[in-house]
Amino acid sequence: MNNEPLKIKKRGEDGHRLITVRIREETLSELDKIASESNYSRNELINIILKHGVENIVIE
């Protein structure tokens, strides 16, 4: 048996932050549909979409 301690980081110290966002029911339904079809979790899908949006936004 391995007696080494289990080392974990405190929550929030993994480069991610937990936030709350209000979203329209229709948008959430569409996200859930896409997540189901793509085998991504809702969270993973939202992060992919946000990353793409942030990297490709043009402010005029």
PDB file of N, CA and C in Angstrom:
ATOM      1  N   MET A   1       0.842  -1.189   0.000  1.00  0.00           N
ATOM      2  CA  MET A   1       0.000   0.000   0.000  1.00  0.00           C
ATOM      3  C   MET A   1       0.880   1.243   0.000  1.00  0.00           C
ATOM      4  N   ASN A   2       0.478   2.242  -0.764  1.00  0.00           N
ATOM      5  CA  ASN A   2       1.235   3.474  -0.890  1.00  0.00           C
ATOM      6  C   ASN A   2       0.824   4.423   0.235  1.00  0.00           C
ATOM      7  N   ASN A   3       1.787   4.883   1.030  1.00  0.00           N
ATOM      8  CA  ASN A   3       1.496   5.769   2.158  1.00  0.00           C
ATOM      9  C   ASN A   3       1.760   7.238   1.847  1.00  0.00           C
ATOM     10  N   GLU A   4       1.942   7.554   0.561  1.00  0.00           N
ATOM     11  CA  GLU A   4       2.150   8.950   0.206  1.00  0.00           C
ATOM     12  C   GLU A   4       0.851   9.723   0.393  1.00  0.00           C
ATOM     13  N   PRO A   5       0.931  10.966   0.876  1.00  0.00           N
ATOM     14  CA  PRO A   5      -0.297  11.746   1.059  1.00  0.00           C
ATOM     15  C   PRO A   5      -0.914  12.130  -0.280  1.00  0.00           C
ATOM     16  N   LEU A   6      -2.212  12.240  -0.297  1.00  0.00           N
ATOM     17  CA  LEU A   6      -2.925  12.725  -1.465  1.00  0.00           C
ATOM     18  C   LEU A   6      -2.846  14.239  -1.461  1.00  0.00           C
ATOM     19  N   LYS A   7      -2.277  14.818  -2.511  1.00  0.00           N
ATOM     20  CA  LYS A   7      -2.120  16.267  -2.583  1.00  0.00           C
ATOM     21  C   LYS A   7      -3.164  16.824  -3.532  1.00  0.00           C
ATOM     22  N   ILE A   8      -3.951  17.771  -3.045  1.00  0.00           N
ATOM     23  CA  ILE A   8      -4.953  18.431  -3.870  1.00  0.00           C
ATOM     24  C   ILE A   8      -4.819  19.936  -3.692  1.00  0.00           C
ATOM     25  N   LYS A   9      -5.262  20.678  -4.700  1.00  0.00           N
ATOM     26  CA  LYS A   9      -5.267  22.127  -4.605  1.00  0.00           C
ATOM     27  C   LYS A   9      -6.624  22.572  -4.086  1.00  0.00           C
ATOM     28  N   LYS A  10      -6.646  23.715  -3.435  1.00  0.00           N
ATOM     29  CA  LYS A  10      -7.913  24.282  -3.012  1.00  0.00           C
ATOM     30  C   LYS A  10      -8.735  24.614  -4.239  1.00  0.00           C
ATOM     31  N   ARG A  11     -10.037  24.479  -4.104  1.00  0.00           N
ATOM     32  CA  ARG A  11     -10.932  24.781  -5.202  1.00  0.00           C
ATOM     33  C   ARG A  11     -10.735  26.224  -5.662  1.00  0.00           C
ATOM     34  N   GLY A  12     -10.721  26.427  -6.961  1.00  0.00           N
ATOM     35  CA  GLY A  12     -10.526  27.762  -7.511  1.00  0.00           C
ATOM     36  C   GLY A  12      -9.078  28.062  -7.822  1.00  0.00           C
ATOM     37  N   GLU A  13      -8.174  27.182  -7.433  1.00  0.00           N
ATOM     38  CA  GLU A  13      -6.754  27.403  -7.684  1.00  0.00           C
ATOM     39  C   GLU A  13      -6.258  26.594  -8.880  1.00  0.00           C
ATOM     40  N   ASP A  14      -7.191  26.176  -9.742  1.00  0.00           N
ATOM     41  CA  ASP A  14      -6.820  25.413 -10.922  1.00  0.00           C
ATOM     42  C   ASP A  14      -6.909  26.244 -12.190  1.00  0.00           C
ATOM     43  N   GLY A  15      -6.998  27.572 -12.021  1.00  0.00           N
ATOM     44  CA  GLY A  15      -7.098  28.459 -13.163  1.00  0.00           C
ATOM     45  C   GLY A  15      -8.530  28.712 -13.590  1.00  0.00           C
ATOM     46  N   HIS A  16      -9.473  28.102 -12.920  1.00  0.00           N
ATOM     47  CA  HIS A  16     -10.883  28.283 -13.231  1.00  0.00           C
ATOM     48  C   HIS A  16     -11.570  29.024 -12.094  1.00  0.00           C
ATOM     49  N   ARG A  17     -12.609  29.764 -12.429  1.00  0.00           N
ATOM     50  CA  ARG A  17     -13.402  30.473 -11.430  1.00  0.00           C
ATOM     51  C   ARG A  17     -14.852  30.068 -11.608  1.00  0.00           C
ATOM     52  N   LEU A  18     -15.545  29.918 -10.517  1.00  0.00           N
ATOM     53  CA  LEU A  18     -16.960  29.592 -10.537  1.00  0.00           C
ATOM     54  C   LEU A  18     -17.756  30.887 -10.566  1.00  0.00           C
ATOM     55  N   ILE A  19     -18.655  31.016 -11.563  1.00  0.00           N
ATOM     56  CA  ILE A  19     -19.495  32.203 -11.672  1.00  0.00           C
ATOM     57  C   ILE A  19     -20.945  31.762 -11.893  1.00  0.00           C
ATOM     58  N   THR A  20     -21.848  32.689 -11.703  1.00  0.00           N
ATOM     59  CA  THR A  20     -23.259  32.443 -11.979  1.00  0.00           C
ATOM     60  C   THR A  20     -23.673  33.333 -13.138  1.00  0.00           C
ATOM     61  N   VAL A  21     -24.387  32.754 -14.084  1.00  0.00           N
ATOM     62  CA  VAL A  21     -24.818  33.490 -15.262  1.00  0.00           C
ATOM     63  C   VAL A  21     -26.293  33.208 -15.512  1.00  0.00           C
ATOM     64  N   ARG A  22     -27.048  34.264 -15.784  1.00  0.00           N
ATOM     65  CA  ARG A  22     -28.439  34.088 -16.193  1.00  0.00           C
ATOM     66  C   ARG A  22     -28.461  33.858 -17.694  1.00  0.00           C
ATOM     67  N   ILE A  23     -29.264  32.898 -18.132  1.00  0.00           N
ATOM     68  CA  ILE A  23     -29.315  32.562 -19.547  1.00  0.00           C
ATOM     69  C   ILE A  23     -30.760  32.234 -19.928  1.00  0.00           C
ATOM     70  N   ARG A  24     -31.139  32.622 -21.112  1.00  0.00           N
ATOM     71  CA  ARG A  24     -32.501  32.355 -21.577  1.00  0.00           C
ATOM     72  C   ARG A  24     -32.746  30.851 -21.698  1.00  0.00           C
ATOM     73  N   GLU A  25     -33.972  30.437 -21.390  1.00  0.00           N
ATOM     74  CA  GLU A  25     -34.339  29.014 -21.451  1.00  0.00           C
ATOM     75  C   GLU A  25     -34.076  28.429 -22.840  1.00  0.00           C
ATOM     76  N   GLU A  26     -34.410  29.194 -23.885  1.00  0.00           N
ATOM     77  CA  GLU A  26     -34.232  28.703 -25.252  1.00  0.00           C
ATOM     78  C   GLU A  26     -32.753  28.452 -25.553  1.00  0.00           C
ATOM     79  N   THR A  27     -31.909  29.360 -25.095  1.00  0.00           N
ATOM     80  CA  THR A  27     -30.469  29.210 -25.314  1.00  0.00           C
ATOM     81  C   THR A  27     -29.942  27.992 -24.564  1.00  0.00           C
ATOM     82  N   LEU A  28     -30.406  27.804 -23.346  1.00  0.00           N
ATOM     83  CA  LEU A  28     -29.977  26.657 -22.549  1.00  0.00           C
ATOM     84  C   LEU A  28     -30.412  25.351 -23.208  1.00  0.00           C
ATOM     85  N   SER A  29     -31.622  25.329 -23.744  1.00  0.00           N
ATOM     86  CA  SER A  29     -32.106  24.131 -24.438  1.00  0.00           C
ATOM     87  C   SER A  29     -31.235  23.812 -25.646  1.00  0.00           C
ATOM     88  N   GLU A  30     -30.878  24.845 -26.390  1.00  0.00           N
ATOM     89  CA  GLU A  30     -30.010  24.642 -27.557  1.00  0.00           C
ATOM     90  C   GLU A  30     -28.623  24.156 -27.136  1.00  0.00           C
ATOM     91  N   LEU A  31     -28.084  24.741 -26.066  1.00  0.00           N
ATOM     92  CA  LEU A  31     -26.781  24.297 -25.559  1.00  0.00           C
ATOM     93  C   LEU A  31     -26.831  22.828 -25.144  1.00  0.00           C
ATOM     94  N   ASP A  32     -27.896  22.452 -24.450  1.00  0.00           N
ATOM     95  CA  ASP A  32     -28.037  21.059 -24.009  1.00  0.00           C
ATOM     96  C   ASP A  32     -28.145  20.111 -25.199  1.00  0.00           C
ATOM     97  N   LYS A  33     -28.842  20.543 -26.246  1.00  0.00           N
ATOM     98  CA  LYS A  33     -28.966  19.723 -27.451  1.00  0.00           C
ATOM     99  C   LYS A  33     -27.595  19.530 -28.105  1.00  0.00           C
ATOM    100  N   ILE A  34     -26.857  20.624 -28.259  1.00  0.00           N
ATOM    101  CA  ILE A  34     -25.519  20.549 -28.858  1.00  0.00           C
ATOM    102  C   ILE A  34     -24.586  19.709 -27.998  1.00  0.00           C
ATOM    103  N   ALA A  35     -24.660  19.883 -26.692  1.00  0.00           N
ATOM    104  CA  ALA A  35     -23.814  19.107 -25.779  1.00  0.00           C
ATOM    105  C   ALA A  35     -24.103  17.617 -25.912  1.00  0.00           C
ATOM    106  N   SER A  36     -25.362  17.277 -25.990  1.00  0.00           N
ATOM    107  CA  SER A  36     -25.756  15.871 -26.131  1.00  0.00           C
ATOM    108  C   SER A  36     -25.251  15.285 -27.451  1.00  0.00           C
ATOM    109  N   GLU A  37     -25.407  16.031 -28.525  1.00  0.00           N
ATOM    110  CA  GLU A  37     -24.988  15.557 -29.841  1.00  0.00           C
ATOM    111  C   GLU A  37     -23.471  15.451 -29.979  1.00  0.00           C
ATOM    112  N   SER A  38     -22.746  16.314 -29.274  1.00  0.00           N
ATOM    113  CA  SER A  38     -21.283  16.363 -29.422  1.00  0.00           C
ATOM    114  C   SER A  38     -20.540  15.583 -28.340  1.00  0.00           C
ATOM    115  N   ASN A  39     -21.271  15.069 -27.359  1.00  0.00           N
ATOM    116  CA  ASN A  39     -20.677  14.346 -26.219  1.00  0.00           C
ATOM    117  C   ASN A  39     -19.769  15.219 -25.363  1.00  0.00           C
ATOM    118  N   TYR A  40     -20.004  16.522 -25.380  1.00  0.00           N
ATOM    119  CA  TYR A  40     -19.346  17.437 -24.459  1.00  0.00           C
ATOM    120  C   TYR A  40     -20.314  17.727 -23.319  1.00  0.00           C
ATOM    121  N   SER A  41     -19.779  18.029 -22.150  1.00  0.00           N
ATOM    122  CA  SER A  41     -20.650  18.479 -21.069  1.00  0.00           C
ATOM    123  C   SER A  41     -21.083  19.907 -21.389  1.00  0.00           C
ATOM    124  N   ARG A  42     -22.148  20.333 -20.757  1.00  0.00           N
ATOM    125  CA  ARG A  42     -22.608  21.708 -20.942  1.00  0.00           C
ATOM    126  C   ARG A  42     -21.493  22.676 -20.578  1.00  0.00           C
ATOM    127  N   ASN A  43     -20.802  22.423 -19.480  1.00  0.00           N
ATOM    128  CA  ASN A  43     -19.718  23.291 -19.026  1.00  0.00           C
ATOM    129  C   ASN A  43     -18.593  23.361 -20.054  1.00  0.00           C
ATOM    130  N   GLU A  44     -18.176  22.204 -20.576  1.00  0.00           N
ATOM    131  CA  GLU A  44     -17.115  22.194 -21.587  1.00  0.00           C
ATOM    132  C   GLU A  44     -17.535  22.976 -22.822  1.00  0.00           C
ATOM    133  N   LEU A  45     -18.763  22.764 -23.259  1.00  0.00           N
ATOM    134  CA  LEU A  45     -19.260  23.441 -24.441  1.00  0.00           C
ATOM    135  C   LEU A  45     -19.302  24.956 -24.252  1.00  0.00           C
ATOM    136  N   ILE A  46     -19.803  25.408 -23.115  1.00  0.00           N
ATOM    137  CA  ILE A  46     -19.857  26.845 -22.838  1.00  0.00           C
ATOM    138  C   ILE A  46     -18.452  27.434 -22.837  1.00  0.00           C
ATOM    139  N   ASN A  47     -17.495  26.729 -22.260  1.00  0.00           N
ATOM    140  CA  ASN A  47     -16.115  27.230 -22.250  1.00  0.00           C
ATOM    141  C   ASN A  47     -15.533  27.300 -23.654  1.00  0.00           C
ATOM    142  N   ILE A  48     -15.833  26.328 -24.514  1.00  0.00           N
ATOM    143  CA  ILE A  48     -15.353  26.349 -25.902  1.00  0.00           C
ATOM    144  C   ILE A  48     -15.937  27.551 -26.635  1.00  0.00           C
ATOM    145  N   ILE A  49     -17.237  27.759 -26.477  1.00  0.00           N
ATOM    146  CA  ILE A  49     -17.910  28.866 -27.154  1.00  0.00           C
ATOM    147  C   ILE A  49     -17.393  30.213 -26.649  1.00  0.00           C
ATOM    148  N   LEU A  50     -17.237  30.356 -25.332  1.00  0.00           N
ATOM    149  CA  LEU A  50     -16.729  31.610 -24.771  1.00  0.00           C
ATOM    150  C   LEU A  50     -15.304  31.896 -25.234  1.00  0.00           C
ATOM    151  N   LYS A  51     -14.452  30.868 -25.230  1.00  0.00           N
ATOM    152  CA  LYS A  51     -13.066  31.055 -25.668  1.00  0.00           C
ATOM    153  C   LYS A  51     -13.037  31.527 -27.121  1.00  0.00           C
ATOM    154  N   HIS A  52     -13.829  30.890 -27.966  1.00  0.00           N
ATOM    155  CA  HIS A  52     -13.886  31.289 -29.370  1.00  0.00           C
ATOM    156  C   HIS A  52     -14.379  32.721 -29.503  1.00  0.00           C
ATOM    157  N   GLY A  53     -15.418  33.063 -28.768  1.00  0.00           N
ATOM    158  CA  GLY A  53     -15.967  34.409 -28.831  1.00  0.00           C
ATOM    159  C   GLY A  53     -14.968  35.460 -28.391  1.00  0.00           C
ATOM    160  N   VAL A  54     -14.291  35.209 -27.292  1.00  0.00           N
ATOM    161  CA  VAL A  54     -13.309  36.164 -26.771  1.00  0.00           C
ATOM    162  C   VAL A  54     -12.140  36.329 -27.736  1.00  0.00           C
ATOM    163  N   GLU A  55     -11.716  35.246 -28.343  1.00  0.00           N
ATOM    164  CA  GLU A  55     -10.578  35.319 -29.257  1.00  0.00           C
ATOM    165  C   GLU A  55     -10.933  35.929 -30.615  1.00  0.00           C
ATOM    166  N   ASN A  56     -12.227  35.989 -30.943  1.00  0.00           N
ATOM    167  CA  ASN A  56     -12.612  36.424 -32.282  1.00  0.00           C
ATOM    168  C   ASN A  56     -13.542  37.642 -32.286  1.00  0.00           C
ATOM    169  N   ILE A  57     -13.705  38.281 -31.150  1.00  0.00           N
ATOM    170  CA  ILE A  57     -14.602  39.430 -31.087  1.00  0.00           C
ATOM    171  C   ILE A  57     -13.957  40.647 -31.756  1.00  0.00           C
ATOM    172  N   VAL A  58     -14.787  41.423 -32.431  1.00  0.00           N
ATOM    173  CA  VAL A  58     -14.340  42.677 -33.034  1.00  0.00           C
ATOM    174  C   VAL A  58     -15.220  43.774 -32.466  1.00  0.00           C
ATOM    175  N   ILE A  59     -14.620  44.751 -31.833  1.00  0.00           N
ATOM    176  CA  ILE A  59     -15.366  45.870 -31.267  1.00  0.00           C
ATOM    177  C   ILE A  59     -15.229  47.044 -32.224  1.00  0.00           C
ATOM    178  N   GLU A  60     -16.367  47.553 -32.646  1.00  0.00           N
ATOM    179  CA  GLU A  60     -16.345  48.663 -33.606  1.00  0.00           C
ATOM    180  C   GLU A  60     -16.701  49.958 -32.912  1.00  0.00           C
TER     181      GLU A  60
END
